[in-house]
Structures are given as structure tokens and as C-alpha cells.
Protein backbone atom coordinates (compact mmCIF):
# COMPACT_ATOMS: atom_id res chain seq x y z
CA UNK A 1 53.75 2.71 -17.74
CA UNK A 2 55.15 3.09 -14.18
CA UNK A 3 51.99 2.07 -12.37
CA UNK A 4 53.28 -1.51 -12.21
CA UNK A 5 56.36 -0.37 -10.32
CA UNK A 6 54.47 1.70 -7.80
CA UNK A 7 54.66 0.41 -4.26
CA UNK A 8 51.29 -0.23 -2.65
CA UNK A 9 52.73 0.11 0.89
CA UNK A 10 52.20 3.55 2.27
CA UNK A 11 52.62 5.07 5.70
CA UNK A 12 50.71 7.92 7.04
CA UNK A 13 52.67 10.89 8.36
CA UNK A 14 51.77 9.80 11.92
CA UNK A 15 52.93 6.19 11.29
CA UNK A 16 56.18 7.37 9.84
CA UNK A 17 56.82 9.77 12.73
CA UNK A 18 56.22 6.90 15.17
CA UNK A 19 58.76 4.64 13.31
CA UNK A 20 61.34 7.33 12.57
CA UNK A 21 63.34 7.27 15.86
CA UNK A 22 63.75 3.42 15.64
CA UNK A 23 64.65 3.58 11.90
CA UNK A 24 67.26 6.27 12.50
CA UNK A 25 68.82 4.32 15.33
CA UNK A 26 68.94 1.09 13.36
CA UNK A 27 70.46 2.80 10.31
CA UNK A 28 73.11 4.58 12.34
CA UNK A 29 73.90 1.38 14.28
CA UNK A 30 74.29 -0.60 11.04
CA UNK A 31 76.55 2.11 9.61
CA UNK A 32 78.76 2.14 12.73
CA UNK A 33 78.92 -1.69 12.72
CA UNK A 34 80.06 -1.47 9.11
CA UNK A 35 82.87 1.01 9.96
CA UNK A 36 84.14 -1.34 12.70
CA UNK A 37 84.08 -4.56 10.74
CA UNK A 38 85.17 -3.06 7.38
CA UNK A 39 84.08 -6.27 5.70
CA UNK A 40 82.10 -4.57 2.98
CA UNK A 41 81.02 -1.21 1.56
CA UNK A 42 77.53 0.17 1.02
CA UNK A 43 76.47 1.90 -2.19
CA UNK A 44 73.06 3.62 -2.27
CA UNK A 45 72.00 5.00 -5.62
CA UNK A 46 69.19 7.54 -5.59
CA UNK A 47 67.71 7.92 -9.05
CA UNK A 48 64.52 9.13 -10.69
CA UNK A 49 63.00 11.84 -12.75
CA UNK A 50 63.75 15.51 -12.06
CA UNK A 51 61.40 17.02 -9.49
CA UNK A 52 60.43 13.64 -7.96
CA UNK A 53 62.09 14.28 -4.59
CA UNK A 54 65.53 12.75 -4.99
CA UNK A 55 67.16 15.68 -3.17
CA UNK A 56 64.78 15.28 -0.20
CA UNK A 57 65.66 11.53 0.01
CA UNK A 58 69.37 12.27 -0.06
CA UNK A 59 69.01 15.02 2.55
CA UNK A 60 67.02 12.72 4.89
CA UNK A 61 69.62 9.95 4.46
CA UNK A 62 72.49 12.32 5.21
CA UNK A 63 70.67 13.63 8.33
CA UNK A 64 70.45 10.09 9.65
CA UNK A 65 73.94 8.83 8.82
CA UNK A 66 77.22 9.71 10.54
CA UNK A 67 78.86 12.19 8.03
CA UNK A 68 82.35 10.95 8.99
CA UNK A 69 81.72 7.68 7.29
CA UNK A 70 79.71 8.61 4.22
CA UNK A 71 80.61 10.25 0.92
CA UNK A 72 78.13 11.67 -1.52
CA UNK A 73 78.50 11.98 -5.28
CA UNK A 74 76.20 13.78 -7.70
CA UNK A 75 76.14 12.89 -11.38
CA UNK A 76 74.59 14.59 -14.33
CA UNK A 77 75.55 14.11 -17.93
CA UNK A 78 79.31 13.61 -18.39
CA UNK A 79 81.33 16.60 -19.46
CA UNK A 80 84.91 17.75 -19.94
CA UNK A 81 87.54 15.11 -19.11
CA UNK A 82 84.82 12.55 -18.25
CA UNK A 83 84.06 12.19 -21.98
CA UNK A 84 87.52 10.75 -22.61
CA UNK A 85 86.85 7.73 -20.48
CA UNK A 86 84.45 4.75 -20.77
CA UNK A 87 80.88 5.66 -19.59
CA UNK A 88 81.10 3.69 -16.28
CA UNK A 89 84.54 5.05 -15.30
CA UNK A 90 83.32 7.88 -13.17
CA UNK A 91 80.87 5.62 -11.28
CA UNK A 92 83.57 3.03 -10.66
CA UNK A 93 85.70 5.75 -9.10
CA UNK A 94 82.79 6.65 -6.80
CA UNK A 95 82.60 3.23 -5.22
CA UNK A 96 83.27 3.50 -1.48
CA UNK A 97 86.08 1.79 0.38
CA UNK A 98 85.19 -1.16 2.60
CA UNK A 99 83.75 0.14 5.86
CA UNK A 100 82.33 3.24 4.17
CA UNK A 101 79.03 4.26 2.70
CA UNK A 102 78.48 6.16 -0.58
CA UNK A 103 75.30 7.86 -1.60
CA UNK A 104 75.18 8.43 -5.37
CA UNK A 105 72.77 11.16 -6.45
CA UNK A 106 71.87 10.48 -10.05
CA UNK A 107 72.31 7.26 -11.94
CA UNK A 108 74.13 5.65 -14.73
CA UNK A 109 70.77 5.11 -16.46
CA UNK A 110 70.32 8.84 -17.04
CA UNK A 111 72.61 9.37 -20.02
CA UNK A 112 71.57 6.36 -22.18
CA UNK A 113 67.83 7.08 -21.47
CA UNK A 114 68.29 10.72 -22.30
CA UNK A 115 70.18 9.93 -25.52
CA UNK A 116 67.69 7.27 -26.54
CA UNK A 117 64.68 9.60 -25.98
CA UNK A 118 66.45 12.38 -27.86
CA UNK A 119 66.95 9.99 -30.79
CA UNK A 120 70.71 10.17 -30.75
CA UNK A 121 71.33 6.62 -29.62
CA UNK A 122 70.29 3.74 -31.86
CA UNK A 123 68.50 0.81 -30.22
CA UNK A 124 71.47 -1.57 -30.61
CA UNK A 125 73.80 0.94 -28.87
CA UNK A 126 71.17 1.53 -26.19
CA UNK A 127 70.90 -2.18 -25.47
CA UNK A 128 74.68 -2.48 -25.40
CA UNK A 129 74.82 0.32 -22.83
CA UNK A 130 72.14 -1.33 -20.68
CA UNK A 131 74.15 -4.57 -20.85
CA UNK A 132 77.29 -2.68 -19.71
CA UNK A 133 75.33 -1.13 -16.87
CA UNK A 134 74.05 -4.59 -15.77
CA UNK A 135 77.66 -5.84 -15.74
CA UNK A 136 78.78 -2.84 -13.76
CA UNK A 137 75.98 -3.38 -11.18
CA UNK A 138 76.89 -7.01 -10.87
CA UNK A 139 80.53 -6.06 -10.20
CA UNK A 140 79.44 -3.39 -7.71
CA UNK A 141 77.33 -5.92 -5.87
CA UNK A 142 80.31 -8.31 -5.63
CA UNK A 143 82.58 -5.52 -4.51
CA UNK A 144 80.27 -3.61 -2.23
CA UNK A 145 78.30 -6.61 -0.91
CA UNK A 146 75.40 -4.25 -0.39
CA UNK A 147 74.27 -2.27 -3.41
CA UNK A 148 70.77 -0.75 -3.67
CA UNK A 149 69.13 1.52 -6.13
CA UNK A 150 66.12 3.63 -5.11
CA UNK A 151 64.05 5.07 -7.92
CA UNK A 152 62.10 8.15 -6.83
CA UNK A 153 58.98 8.71 -8.93
CA UNK A 154 56.24 11.26 -9.06
CA UNK A 155 52.87 10.18 -7.70
CA UNK A 156 49.63 11.03 -9.63
CA UNK A 157 48.98 13.88 -7.12
CA UNK A 158 52.35 15.46 -7.87
CA UNK A 159 51.85 15.12 -11.62
CA UNK A 160 48.45 16.90 -11.66
CA UNK A 161 48.03 19.69 -14.15
CA UNK A 162 49.35 23.08 -13.14
CA UNK A 163 47.05 25.48 -11.25
CA UNK A 164 45.62 28.34 -13.31
CA UNK A 165 46.63 31.88 -12.32
CA UNK A 166 44.43 33.09 -9.46
CA UNK A 167 43.46 29.63 -8.29
CA UNK A 168 44.63 28.20 -4.95
CA UNK A 169 47.13 25.33 -5.30
CA UNK A 170 46.32 22.18 -3.34
CA UNK A 171 48.54 21.49 -0.37
CA UNK A 172 50.93 18.53 -0.96
CA UNK A 173 53.29 16.65 1.28
CA UNK A 174 56.53 15.12 0.27
CA UNK A 175 59.03 12.74 1.99
């Protein structure tokens, strides 16, 4: 199902290491320009299946960014007081101020997908939730001016069957 969404562009480890210093510099320069102009905010959403490498992506971003101007939020399923408010309330509160960057770890798609797969959310309610998410994303784009979602997925190598006891596991590299 997700083969159509897979990116065909790949960098070797050596190619990435050659580009990394320039990418880091450009990202940090863009962040510092943003803090000076304060004309917009940046919202980066890191989403995907558990075990796909979301944490590594967030850690890499936070290594590269100036921590004085970035805030990070992690979201799982809502609990406690969050259940008293509309589903998008907690995400709206996480939007950064102009001149700031926010990294959101976890996504607003998680709960409706989880509930739909579990069978506790009828299709009509699921579609209504997706429509509400689309409206929220549109508002976030207007407000933030730069809004981007990165979906981290498992590659076929990482979804290989588990290794039997006593066998040597193949060596794998991750971002």
C-alpha cells in the first residue's frame, strides 16, 4: 500500500556526510533569520509508525537547530484533561509563536487511525475527523506560513522477518 509513497531518491552514507555540513549551516541560518524577522513561525510534524525512526529524525533536527528558538512537543493518544476538549485543541496550543520553530513528535492522524483500525470509529466519524484535520492543517499553514509534515516509514529491509534464535542478524543502518 505504501510503495507508491516511497521516495525513490536515496543518498549513500558518503553522499549524506558530504552534504551534511552545508545542510546544517543552511538550516541554522534559516532558523536564525526567522528569529530576527519574526514574520512567520515554522511547524514541523514528524509522524509515522512506531519503530520507523521518528525519534532519530527528531534528535537529528534538534542537534542541528538552535535550542533557544525551538520547542518540541510529543503527542500520543489524549488522556486526562485533554479528553474534555475538542480533538485539535492540544495541537492548536502547540503552534509556535512567530519567529519560533516547533517540532511536533507524533501526529493528529494517530488517534483517528488507531480508533478506525480498532473498529471503534465508524467510517462517517472517521471521515469527519479527517475533514477537521484538513481544516486544522489549512489554518496552521495560514498561521505558521511554513508547515510541513514528514512521515517516517519502515523500508522493506527494516520490515524483514525476525531472525531465528542462534542466527546472526543482518547489519542495518538508519538515519
